[in-house]
Amino acid sequence: MLVVDNGTTVAEQELFALMSAPAVPDLLRVADEPLTVKELSNRADVPLSTAYREVNRLHEVSLLEKSIVVNHTDGRHVSQYCRTFESMEVTVTDDGLRVELDE
């Protein structure tokens, strides 16, 4: 099991299944600052529908943090997402795979 920063527990198998989706590594790579899903989609060169799906999955397992930004002139709000870690290291051990997140 992998415990993410906020205490969320994720099975390594679930994490690897998520990471195997073609768009996920690119989305995580560009999510080094708070960005909207549309901005993530553009920077990662990922279709917008795919970006929405994968960003939701990454947020559910706490690999992306969500923040809400309010436009004070018109009151509208937008969600932005940012990685919750700096780097991810995967190690093969005698007991299986081990994942470490460097925050």
PDB file of N, CA and C in Angstrom:
ATOM      1  N   MET A   1       0.833  -1.187   0.000  1.00  0.00           N
ATOM      2  CA  MET A   1       0.000   0.000   0.000  1.00  0.00           C
ATOM      3  C   MET A   1       0.876   1.248   0.000  1.00  0.00           C
ATOM      4  N   LEU A   2       0.385   2.270  -0.610  1.00  0.00           N
ATOM      5  CA  LEU A   2       1.072   3.557  -0.683  1.00  0.00           C
ATOM      6  C   LEU A   2       0.227   4.575   0.055  1.00  0.00           C
ATOM      7  N   VAL A   3       0.802   5.276   0.993  1.00  0.00           N
ATOM      8  CA  VAL A   3       0.081   6.321   1.710  1.00  0.00           C
ATOM      9  C   VAL A   3       0.521   7.654   1.131  1.00  0.00           C
ATOM     10  N   VAL A   4      -0.445   8.385   0.582  1.00  0.00           N
ATOM     11  CA  VAL A   4      -0.176   9.679  -0.026  1.00  0.00           C
ATOM     12  C   VAL A   4      -0.260  10.743   1.069  1.00  0.00           C
ATOM     13  N   ASP A   5       0.264  11.911   0.804  1.00  0.00           N
ATOM     14  CA  ASP A   5       0.427  13.006   1.757  1.00  0.00           C
ATOM     15  C   ASP A   5      -0.753  13.200   2.715  1.00  0.00           C
ATOM     16  N   ASN A   6      -1.980  13.187   2.218  1.00  0.00           N
ATOM     17  CA  ASN A   6      -3.124  13.469   3.088  1.00  0.00           C
ATOM     18  C   ASN A   6      -3.633  12.231   3.811  1.00  0.00           C
ATOM     19  N   GLY A   7      -2.895  11.131   3.760  1.00  0.00           N
ATOM     20  CA  GLY A   7      -3.301   9.917   4.444  1.00  0.00           C
ATOM     21  C   GLY A   7      -4.071   8.948   3.575  1.00  0.00           C
ATOM     22  N   THR A   8      -4.350   9.310   2.327  1.00  0.00           N
ATOM     23  CA  THR A   8      -5.045   8.414   1.410  1.00  0.00           C
ATOM     24  C   THR A   8      -4.178   7.195   1.151  1.00  0.00           C
ATOM     25  N   THR A   9      -4.775   6.016   1.202  1.00  0.00           N
ATOM     26  CA  THR A   9      -4.034   4.793   0.943  1.00  0.00           C
ATOM     27  C   THR A   9      -4.431   4.263  -0.433  1.00  0.00           C
ATOM     28  N   VAL A  10      -3.439   3.948  -1.245  1.00  0.00           N
ATOM     29  CA  VAL A  10      -3.664   3.471  -2.604  1.00  0.00           C
ATOM     30  C   VAL A  10      -2.844   2.200  -2.792  1.00  0.00           C
ATOM     31  N   ALA A  11      -3.448   1.180  -3.344  1.00  0.00           N
ATOM     32  CA  ALA A  11      -2.699  -0.033  -3.660  1.00  0.00           C
ATOM     33  C   ALA A  11      -1.744   0.276  -4.804  1.00  0.00           C
ATOM     34  N   GLU A  12      -0.527  -0.251  -4.713  1.00  0.00           N
ATOM     35  CA  GLU A  12       0.450  -0.017  -5.775  1.00  0.00           C
ATOM     36  C   GLU A  12      -0.099  -0.454  -7.133  1.00  0.00           C
ATOM     37  N   GLN A  13      -0.853  -1.552  -7.154  1.00  0.00           N
ATOM     38  CA  GLN A  13      -1.421  -2.035  -8.412  1.00  0.00           C
ATOM     39  C   GLN A  13      -2.362  -0.989  -9.019  1.00  0.00           C
ATOM     40  N   GLU A  14      -3.152  -0.335  -8.156  1.00  0.00           N
ATOM     41  CA  GLU A  14      -4.054   0.711  -8.632  1.00  0.00           C
ATOM     42  C   GLU A  14      -3.260   1.884  -9.187  1.00  0.00           C
ATOM     43  N   LEU A  15      -2.193   2.241  -8.482  1.00  0.00           N
ATOM     44  CA  LEU A  15      -1.345   3.341  -8.932  1.00  0.00           C
ATOM     45  C   LEU A  15      -0.700   3.014 -10.276  1.00  0.00           C
ATOM     46  N   PHE A  16      -0.192   1.791 -10.422  1.00  0.00           N
ATOM     47  CA  PHE A  16       0.446   1.413 -11.688  1.00  0.00           C
ATOM     48  C   PHE A  16      -0.562   1.354 -12.824  1.00  0.00           C
ATOM     49  N   ALA A  17      -1.776   0.894 -12.533  1.00  0.00           N
ATOM     50  CA  ALA A  17      -2.827   0.891 -13.561  1.00  0.00           C
ATOM     51  C   ALA A  17      -3.130   2.321 -13.993  1.00  0.00           C
ATOM     52  N   LEU A  18      -3.207   3.221 -13.036  1.00  0.00           N
ATOM     53  CA  LEU A  18      -3.457   4.624 -13.347  1.00  0.00           C
ATOM     54  C   LEU A  18      -2.313   5.214 -14.162  1.00  0.00           C
ATOM     55  N   MET A  19      -1.071   4.932 -13.744  1.00  0.00           N
ATOM     56  CA  MET A  19       0.094   5.479 -14.436  1.00  0.00           C
ATOM     57  C   MET A  19       0.270   4.900 -15.839  1.00  0.00           C
ATOM     58  N   SER A  20      -0.331   3.744 -16.102  1.00  0.00           N
ATOM     59  CA  SER A  20      -0.176   3.133 -17.418  1.00  0.00           C
ATOM     60  C   SER A  20      -1.074   3.787 -18.469  1.00  0.00           C
ATOM     61  N   ALA A  21      -2.031   4.609 -18.047  1.00  0.00           N
ATOM     62  CA  ALA A  21      -2.850   5.344 -19.016  1.00  0.00           C
ATOM     63  C   ALA A  21      -1.929   6.311 -19.757  1.00  0.00           C
ATOM     64  N   PRO A  22      -1.959   6.308 -21.071  1.00  0.00           N
ATOM     65  CA  PRO A  22      -0.984   7.088 -21.853  1.00  0.00           C
ATOM     66  C   PRO A  22      -0.891   8.570 -21.488  1.00  0.00           C
ATOM     67  N   ALA A  23      -1.983   9.204 -21.114  1.00  0.00           N
ATOM     68  CA  ALA A  23      -1.966  10.644 -20.853  1.00  0.00           C
ATOM     69  C   ALA A  23      -1.469  11.013 -19.461  1.00  0.00           C
ATOM     70  N   VAL A  24      -1.510  10.075 -18.524  1.00  0.00           N
ATOM     71  CA  VAL A  24      -1.222  10.400 -17.118  1.00  0.00           C
ATOM     72  C   VAL A  24       0.186  10.933 -16.889  1.00  0.00           C
ATOM     73  N   PRO A  25       1.236  10.277 -17.372  1.00  0.00           N
ATOM     74  CA  PRO A  25       2.575  10.838 -17.135  1.00  0.00           C
ATOM     75  C   PRO A  25       2.731  12.260 -17.679  1.00  0.00           C
ATOM     76  N   ASP A  26       2.156  12.528 -18.831  1.00  0.00           N
ATOM     77  CA  ASP A  26       2.257  13.874 -19.409  1.00  0.00           C
ATOM     78  C   ASP A  26       1.488  14.895 -18.582  1.00  0.00           C
ATOM     79  N   LEU A  27       0.300  14.518 -18.100  1.00  0.00           N
ATOM     80  CA  LEU A  27      -0.473  15.434 -17.262  1.00  0.00           C
ATOM     81  C   LEU A  27       0.254  15.727 -15.954  1.00  0.00           C
ATOM     82  N   LEU A  28       0.819  14.697 -15.337  1.00  0.00           N
ATOM     83  CA  LEU A  28       1.559  14.912 -14.100  1.00  0.00           C
ATOM     84  C   LEU A  28       2.810  15.751 -14.328  1.00  0.00           C
ATOM     85  N   ARG A  29       3.453  15.555 -15.456  1.00  0.00           N
ATOM     86  CA  ARG A  29       4.674  16.304 -15.773  1.00  0.00           C
ATOM     87  C   ARG A  29       4.402  17.804 -15.828  1.00  0.00           C
ATOM     88  N   VAL A  30       3.271  18.205 -16.419  1.00  0.00           N
ATOM     89  CA  VAL A  30       2.993  19.638 -16.594  1.00  0.00           C
ATOM     90  C   VAL A  30       2.250  20.247 -15.406  1.00  0.00           C
ATOM     91  N   ALA A  31       1.826  19.425 -14.447  1.00  0.00           N
ATOM     92  CA  ALA A  31       1.032  19.913 -13.314  1.00  0.00           C
ATOM     93  C   ALA A  31       1.918  20.380 -12.160  1.00  0.00           C
ATOM     94  N   ASP A  32       3.003  21.068 -12.477  1.00  0.00           N
ATOM     95  CA  ASP A  32       3.924  21.539 -11.442  1.00  0.00           C
ATOM     96  C   ASP A  32       3.519  22.888 -10.862  1.00  0.00           C
ATOM     97  N   GLU A  33       2.427  23.437 -11.342  1.00  0.00           N
ATOM     98  CA  GLU A  33       1.839  24.666 -10.828  1.00  0.00           C
ATOM     99  C   GLU A  33       0.329  24.550 -11.010  1.00  0.00           C
ATOM    100  N   PRO A  34      -0.469  25.298 -10.240  1.00  0.00           N
ATOM    101  CA  PRO A  34      -1.921  25.196 -10.386  1.00  0.00           C
ATOM    102  C   PRO A  34      -2.383  25.597 -11.786  1.00  0.00           C
ATOM    103  N   LEU A  35      -3.084  24.672 -12.439  1.00  0.00           N
ATOM    104  CA  LEU A  35      -3.593  24.892 -13.791  1.00  0.00           C
ATOM    105  C   LEU A  35      -4.997  24.324 -13.913  1.00  0.00           C
ATOM    106  N   THR A  36      -5.791  24.905 -14.809  1.00  0.00           N
ATOM    107  CA  THR A  36      -7.111  24.346 -15.096  1.00  0.00           C
ATOM    108  C   THR A  36      -6.940  23.075 -15.931  1.00  0.00           C
ATOM    109  N   VAL A  37      -7.996  22.305 -16.031  1.00  0.00           N
ATOM    110  CA  VAL A  37      -7.921  21.093 -16.851  1.00  0.00           C
ATOM    111  C   VAL A  37      -7.636  21.466 -18.305  1.00  0.00           C
ATOM    112  N   LYS A  38      -8.222  22.542 -18.770  1.00  0.00           N
ATOM    113  CA  LYS A  38      -7.974  22.981 -20.154  1.00  0.00           C
ATOM    114  C   LYS A  38      -6.503  23.345 -20.346  1.00  0.00           C
ATOM    115  N   GLU A  39      -5.916  24.034 -19.381  1.00  0.00           N
ATOM    116  CA  GLU A  39      -4.497  24.390 -19.472  1.00  0.00           C
ATOM    117  C   GLU A  39      -3.621  23.135 -19.418  1.00  0.00           C
ATOM    118  N   LEU A  40      -3.960  22.198 -18.533  1.00  0.00           N
ATOM    119  CA  LEU A  40      -3.218  20.934 -18.474  1.00  0.00           C
ATOM    120  C   LEU A  40      -3.317  20.195 -19.802  1.00  0.00           C
ATOM    121  N   SER A  41      -4.518  20.149 -20.352  1.00  0.00           N
ATOM    122  CA  SER A  41      -4.747  19.486 -21.633  1.00  0.00           C
ATOM    123  C   SER A  41      -3.878  20.089 -22.731  1.00  0.00           C
ATOM    124  N   ASN A  42      -3.848  21.403 -22.799  1.00  0.00           N
ATOM    125  CA  ASN A  42      -3.056  22.087 -23.824  1.00  0.00           C
ATOM    126  C   ASN A  42      -1.562  21.846 -23.642  1.00  0.00           C
ATOM    127  N   ARG A  43      -1.076  22.000 -22.412  1.00  0.00           N
ATOM    128  CA  ARG A  43       0.361  21.841 -22.164  1.00  0.00           C
ATOM    129  C   ARG A  43       0.835  20.408 -22.372  1.00  0.00           C
ATOM    130  N   ALA A  44      -0.016  19.448 -22.034  1.00  0.00           N
ATOM    131  CA  ALA A  44       0.367  18.034 -22.164  1.00  0.00           C
ATOM    132  C   ALA A  44       0.022  17.479 -23.538  1.00  0.00           C
ATOM    133  N   ASP A  45      -0.647  18.279 -24.362  1.00  0.00           N
ATOM    134  CA  ASP A  45      -1.084  17.842 -25.691  1.00  0.00           C
ATOM    135  C   ASP A  45      -1.935  16.572 -25.586  1.00  0.00           C
ATOM    136  N   VAL A  46      -2.948  16.658 -24.712  1.00  0.00           N
ATOM    137  CA  VAL A  46      -3.867  15.556 -24.434  1.00  0.00           C
ATOM    138  C   VAL A  46      -5.274  16.040 -24.767  1.00  0.00           C
ATOM    139  N   PRO A  47      -6.111  15.214 -25.397  1.00  0.00           N
ATOM    140  CA  PRO A  47      -7.492  15.640 -25.668  1.00  0.00           C
ATOM    141  C   PRO A  47      -8.189  16.071 -24.372  1.00  0.00           C
ATOM    142  N   LEU A  48      -9.013  17.099 -24.453  1.00  0.00           N
ATOM    143  CA  LEU A  48      -9.661  17.660 -23.277  1.00  0.00           C
ATOM    144  C   LEU A  48     -10.504  16.624 -22.530  1.00  0.00           C
ATOM    145  N   SER A  49     -11.244  15.796 -23.254  1.00  0.00           N
ATOM    146  CA  SER A  49     -12.074  14.778 -22.584  1.00  0.00           C
ATOM    147  C   SER A  49     -11.213  13.791 -21.803  1.00  0.00           C
ATOM    148  N   THR A  50     -10.067  13.418 -22.365  1.00  0.00           N
ATOM    149  CA  THR A  50      -9.135  12.517 -21.677  1.00  0.00           C
ATOM    150  C   THR A  50      -8.556  13.217 -20.455  1.00  0.00           C
ATOM    151  N   ALA A  51      -8.210  14.483 -20.596  1.00  0.00           N
ATOM    152  CA  ALA A  51      -7.644  15.239 -19.482  1.00  0.00           C
ATOM    153  C   ALA A  51      -8.635  15.298 -18.319  1.00  0.00           C
ATOM    154  N   TYR A  52      -9.905  15.581 -18.597  1.00  0.00           N
ATOM    155  CA  TYR A  52     -10.902  15.618 -17.529  1.00  0.00           C
ATOM    156  C   TYR A  52     -10.985  14.279 -16.806  1.00  0.00           C
ATOM    157  N   ARG A  53     -11.039  13.200 -17.565  1.00  0.00           N
ATOM    158  CA  ARG A  53     -11.149  11.861 -16.969  1.00  0.00           C
ATOM    159  C   ARG A  53      -9.938  11.544 -16.094  1.00  0.00           C
ATOM    160  N   GLU A  54      -8.741  11.759 -16.629  1.00  0.00           N
ATOM    161  CA  GLU A  54      -7.526  11.392 -15.890  1.00  0.00           C
ATOM    162  C   GLU A  54      -7.263  12.332 -14.711  1.00  0.00           C
ATOM    163  N   VAL A  55      -7.557  13.605 -14.861  1.00  0.00           N
ATOM    164  CA  VAL A  55      -7.386  14.546 -13.748  1.00  0.00           C
ATOM    165  C   VAL A  55      -8.299  14.143 -12.593  1.00  0.00           C
ATOM    166  N   ASN A  56      -9.526  13.753 -12.890  1.00  0.00           N
ATOM    167  CA  ASN A  56     -10.428  13.293 -11.829  1.00  0.00           C
ATOM    168  C   ASN A  56      -9.863  12.065 -11.126  1.00  0.00           C
ATOM    169  N   ARG A  57      -9.342  11.124 -11.890  1.00  0.00           N
ATOM    170  CA  ARG A  57      -8.762   9.912 -11.302  1.00  0.00           C
ATOM    171  C   ARG A  57      -7.535  10.257 -10.444  1.00  0.00           C
ATOM    172  N   LEU A  58      -6.688  11.146 -10.929  1.00  0.00           N
ATOM    173  CA  LEU A  58      -5.492  11.547 -10.183  1.00  0.00           C
ATOM    174  C   LEU A  58      -5.855  12.309  -8.909  1.00  0.00           C
ATOM    175  N   HIS A  59      -6.903  13.095  -8.976  1.00  0.00           N
ATOM    176  CA  HIS A  59      -7.367  13.817  -7.791  1.00  0.00           C
ATOM    177  C   HIS A  59      -7.947  12.844  -6.766  1.00  0.00           C
ATOM    178  N   GLU A  60      -8.665  11.831  -7.213  1.00  0.00           N
ATOM    179  CA  GLU A  60      -9.261  10.844  -6.305  1.00  0.00           C
ATOM    180  C   GLU A  60      -8.213  10.111  -5.476  1.00  0.00           C
ATOM    181  N   VAL A  61      -7.043   9.879  -6.044  1.00  0.00           N
ATOM    182  CA  VAL A  61      -5.984   9.179  -5.301  1.00  0.00           C
ATOM    183  C   VAL A  61      -4.959  10.163  -4.718  1.00  0.00           C
ATOM    184  N   SER A  62      -5.309  11.439  -4.707  1.00  0.00           N
ATOM    185  CA  SER A  62      -4.522  12.503  -4.072  1.00  0.00           C
ATOM    186  C   SER A  62      -3.157  12.741  -4.709  1.00  0.00           C
ATOM    187  N   LEU A  63      -3.025  12.443  -5.995  1.00  0.00           N
ATOM    188  CA  LEU A  63      -1.787  12.789  -6.696  1.00  0.00           C
ATOM    189  C   LEU A  63      -1.866  14.191  -7.277  1.00  0.00           C
ATOM    190  N   LEU A  64      -3.090  14.708  -7.406  1.00  0.00           N
ATOM    191  CA  LEU A  64      -3.303  16.104  -7.786  1.00  0.00           C
ATOM    192  C   LEU A  64      -4.139  16.769  -6.702  1.00  0.00           C
ATOM    193  N   GLU A  65      -3.751  17.984  -6.361  1.00  0.00           N
ATOM    194  CA  GLU A  65      -4.492  18.777  -5.377  1.00  0.00           C
ATOM    195  C   GLU A  65      -5.359  19.781  -6.131  1.00  0.00           C
ATOM    196  N   LYS A  66      -6.587  19.925  -5.674  1.00  0.00           N
ATOM    197  CA  LYS A  66      -7.538  20.832  -6.322  1.00  0.00           C
ATOM    198  C   LYS A  66      -7.678  22.101  -5.497  1.00  0.00           C
ATOM    199  N   SER A  67      -7.678  23.237  -6.185  1.00  0.00           N
ATOM    200  CA  SER A  67      -7.961  24.514  -5.538  1.00  0.00           C
ATOM    201  C   SER A  67      -8.983  25.264  -6.386  1.00  0.00           C
ATOM    202  N   ILE A  68      -9.762  26.093  -5.737  1.00  0.00           N
ATOM    203  CA  ILE A  68     -10.783  26.878  -6.426  1.00  0.00           C
ATOM    204  C   ILE A  68     -10.329  28.331  -6.442  1.00  0.00           C
ATOM    205  N   VAL A  69     -10.362  28.927  -7.623  1.00  0.00           N
ATOM    206  CA  VAL A  69     -10.000  30.331  -7.778  1.00  0.00           C
ATOM    207  C   VAL A  69     -11.256  31.091  -8.193  1.00  0.00           C
ATOM    208  N   VAL A  70     -11.547  32.178  -7.472  1.00  0.00           N
ATOM    209  CA  VAL A  70     -12.734  32.978  -7.748  1.00  0.00           C
ATOM    210  C   VAL A  70     -12.324  34.257  -8.455  1.00  0.00           C
ATOM    211  N   ASN A  71     -12.985  34.532  -9.569  1.00  0.00           N
ATOM    212  CA  ASN A  71     -12.786  35.790 -10.288  1.00  0.00           C
ATOM    213  C   ASN A  71     -13.650  36.834  -9.585  1.00  0.00           C
ATOM    214  N   HIS A  72     -13.018  37.781  -8.920  1.00  0.00           N
ATOM    215  CA  HIS A  72     -13.761  38.737  -8.100  1.00  0.00           C
ATOM    216  C   HIS A  72     -14.562  39.738  -8.926  1.00  0.00           C
ATOM    217  N   THR A  73     -14.278  39.892 -10.205  1.00  0.00           N
ATOM    218  CA  THR A  73     -15.034  40.843 -11.014  1.00  0.00           C
ATOM    219  C   THR A  73     -16.392  40.297 -11.424  1.00  0.00           C
ATOM    220  N   ASP A  74     -16.477  38.985 -11.715  1.00  0.00           N
ATOM    221  CA  ASP A  74     -17.767  38.434 -12.139  1.00  0.00           C
ATOM    222  C   ASP A  74     -18.269  37.296 -11.239  1.00  0.00           C
ATOM    223  N   GLY A  75     -17.486  36.927 -10.226  1.00  0.00           N
ATOM    224  CA  GLY A  75     -17.926  35.913  -9.277  1.00  0.00           C
ATOM    225  C   GLY A  75     -17.810  34.478  -9.745  1.00  0.00           C
ATOM    226  N   ARG A  76     -17.389  34.272 -10.975  1.00  0.00           N
ATOM    227  CA  ARG A  76     -17.230  32.893 -11.458  1.00  0.00           C
ATOM    228  C   ARG A  76     -16.013  32.267 -10.807  1.00  0.00           C
ATOM    229  N   HIS A  77     -16.038  30.945 -10.741  1.00  0.00           N
ATOM    230  CA  HIS A  77     -14.908  30.235 -10.150  1.00  0.00           C
ATOM    231  C   HIS A  77     -14.409  29.153 -11.107  1.00  0.00           C
ATOM    232  N   VAL A  78     -13.162  28.786 -10.908  1.00  0.00           N
ATOM    233  CA  VAL A  78     -12.545  27.770 -11.749  1.00  0.00           C
ATOM    234  C   VAL A  78     -11.686  26.876 -10.861  1.00  0.00           C
ATOM    235  N   SER A  79     -11.670  25.595 -11.185  1.00  0.00           N
ATOM    236  CA  SER A  79     -10.835  24.637 -10.453  1.00  0.00           C
ATOM    237  C   SER A  79      -9.462  24.562 -11.101  1.00  0.00           C
ATOM    238  N   GLN A  80      -8.446  24.519 -10.266  1.00  0.00           N
ATOM    239  CA  GLN A  80      -7.077  24.334 -10.734  1.00  0.00           C
ATOM    240  C   GLN A  80      -6.490  23.127 -10.019  1.00  0.00           C
ATOM    241  N   TYR A  81      -5.551  22.468 -10.683  1.00  0.00           N
ATOM    242  CA  TYR A  81      -4.954  21.252 -10.146  1.00  0.00           C
ATOM    243  C   TYR A  81      -3.432  21.357 -10.195  1.00  0.00           C
ATOM    244  N   CYS A  82      -2.793  20.798  -9.174  1.00  0.00           N
ATOM    245  CA  CYS A  82      -1.341  20.808  -9.089  1.00  0.00           C
ATOM    246  C   CYS A  82      -0.882  19.498  -8.464  1.00  0.00           C
ATOM    247  N   ARG A  83       0.274  18.991  -8.902  1.00  0.00           N
ATOM    248  CA  ARG A  83       0.848  17.771  -8.312  1.00  0.00           C
ATOM    249  C   ARG A  83       1.040  17.929  -6.818  1.00  0.00           C
ATOM    250  N   THR A  84       0.879  16.837  -6.088  1.00  0.00           N
ATOM    251  CA  THR A  84       1.105  16.849  -4.641  1.00  0.00           C
ATOM    252  C   THR A  84       2.498  16.339  -4.293  1.00  0.00           C
ATOM    253  N   PHE A  85       3.337  16.120  -5.294  1.00  0.00           N
ATOM    254  CA  PHE A  85       4.681  15.592  -5.077  1.00  0.00           C
ATOM    255  C   PHE A  85       5.620  16.161  -6.120  1.00  0.00           C
ATOM    256  N   GLU A  86       6.920  16.098  -5.828  1.00  0.00           N
ATOM    257  CA  GLU A  86       7.932  16.573  -6.771  1.00  0.00           C
ATOM    258  C   GLU A  86       8.401  15.455  -7.696  1.00  0.00           C
ATOM    259  N   SER A  87       8.609  14.273  -7.127  1.00  0.00           N
ATOM    260  CA  SER A  87       9.061  13.154  -7.948  1.00  0.00           C
ATOM    261  C   SER A  87       8.496  11.843  -7.404  1.00  0.00           C
ATOM    262  N   MET A  88       8.445  10.842  -8.275  1.00  0.00           N
ATOM    263  CA  MET A  88       7.952   9.519  -7.929  1.00  0.00           C
ATOM    264  C   MET A  88       9.036   8.519  -8.296  1.00  0.00           C
ATOM    265  N   GLU A  89       9.375   7.651  -7.342  1.00  0.00           N
ATOM    266  CA  GLU A  89      10.394   6.632  -7.595  1.00  0.00           C
ATOM    267  C   GLU A  89       9.774   5.252  -7.382  1.00  0.00           C
ATOM    268  N   VAL A  90       9.971   4.385  -8.352  1.00  0.00           N
ATOM    269  CA  VAL A  90       9.473   3.017  -8.273  1.00  0.00           C
ATOM    270  C   VAL A  90      10.680   2.094  -8.146  1.00  0.00           C
ATOM    271  N   THR A  91      10.646   1.220  -7.135  1.00  0.00           N
ATOM    272  CA  THR A  91      11.737   0.295  -6.877  1.00  0.00           C
ATOM    273  C   THR A  91      11.208  -1.129  -6.883  1.00  0.00           C
ATOM    274  N   VAL A  92      11.936  -2.011  -7.527  1.00  0.00           N
ATOM    275  CA  VAL A  92      11.593  -3.426  -7.511  1.00  0.00           C
ATOM    276  C   VAL A  92      12.341  -4.060  -6.347  1.00  0.00           C
ATOM    277  N   THR A  93      11.597  -4.705  -5.431  1.00  0.00           N
ATOM    278  CA  THR A  93      12.193  -5.341  -4.264  1.00  0.00           C
ATOM    279  C   THR A  93      11.819  -6.825  -4.248  1.00  0.00           C
ATOM    280  N   ASP A  94      12.361  -7.574  -3.313  1.00  0.00           N
ATOM    281  CA  ASP A  94      11.998  -8.980  -3.161  1.00  0.00           C
ATOM    282  C   ASP A  94      10.529  -9.139  -2.787  1.00  0.00           C
ATOM    283  N   ASP A  95       9.962  -8.108  -2.153  1.00  0.00           N
ATOM    284  CA  ASP A  95       8.554  -8.151  -1.733  1.00  0.00           C
ATOM    285  C   ASP A  95       7.604  -7.618  -2.795  1.00  0.00           C
ATOM    286  N   GLY A  96       8.109  -7.161  -3.904  1.00  0.00           N
ATOM    287  CA  GLY A  96       7.263  -6.590  -4.962  1.00  0.00           C
ATOM    288  C   GLY A  96       7.753  -5.216  -5.341  1.00  0.00           C
ATOM    289  N   LEU A  97       6.828  -4.346  -5.711  1.00  0.00           N
ATOM    290  CA  LEU A  97       7.164  -2.990  -6.118  1.00  0.00           C
ATOM    291  C   LEU A  97       6.937  -2.023  -4.955  1.00  0.00           C
ATOM    292  N   ARG A  98       7.823  -1.053  -4.850  1.00  0.00           N
ATOM    293  CA  ARG A  98       7.693  -0.028  -3.822  1.00  0.00           C
ATOM    294  C   ARG A  98       7.686   1.332  -4.512  1.00  0.00           C
ATOM    295  N   VAL A  99       6.750   2.189  -4.106  1.00  0.00           N
ATOM    296  CA  VAL A  99       6.610   3.516  -4.682  1.00  0.00           C
ATOM    297  C   VAL A  99       6.913   4.539  -3.609  1.00  0.00           C
ATOM    298  N   GLU A 100       7.769   5.499  -3.930  1.00  0.00           N
ATOM    299  CA  GLU A 100       8.074   6.594  -3.016  1.00  0.00           C
ATOM    300  C   GLU A 100       7.806   7.909  -3.716  1.00  0.00           C
ATOM    301  N   LEU A 101       7.092   8.778  -3.015  1.00  0.00           N
ATOM    302  CA  LEU A 101       6.835  10.115  -3.525  1.00  0.00           C
ATOM    303  C   LEU A 101       7.682  11.098  -2.747  1.00  0.00           C
ATOM    304  N   ASP A 102       8.419  11.936  -3.466  1.00  0.00           N
ATOM    305  CA  ASP A 102       9.232  12.975  -2.834  1.00  0.00           C
ATOM    306  C   ASP A 102       8.425  14.263  -2.882  1.00  0.00           C
ATOM    307  N   GLU A 103       8.110  14.756  -1.717  1.00  0.00           N
ATOM    308  CA  GLU A 103       7.282  15.960  -1.640  1.00  0.00           C
ATOM    309  C   GLU A 103       8.158  17.156  -1.430  1.00  0.00           C
TER     310      GLU A 103
END
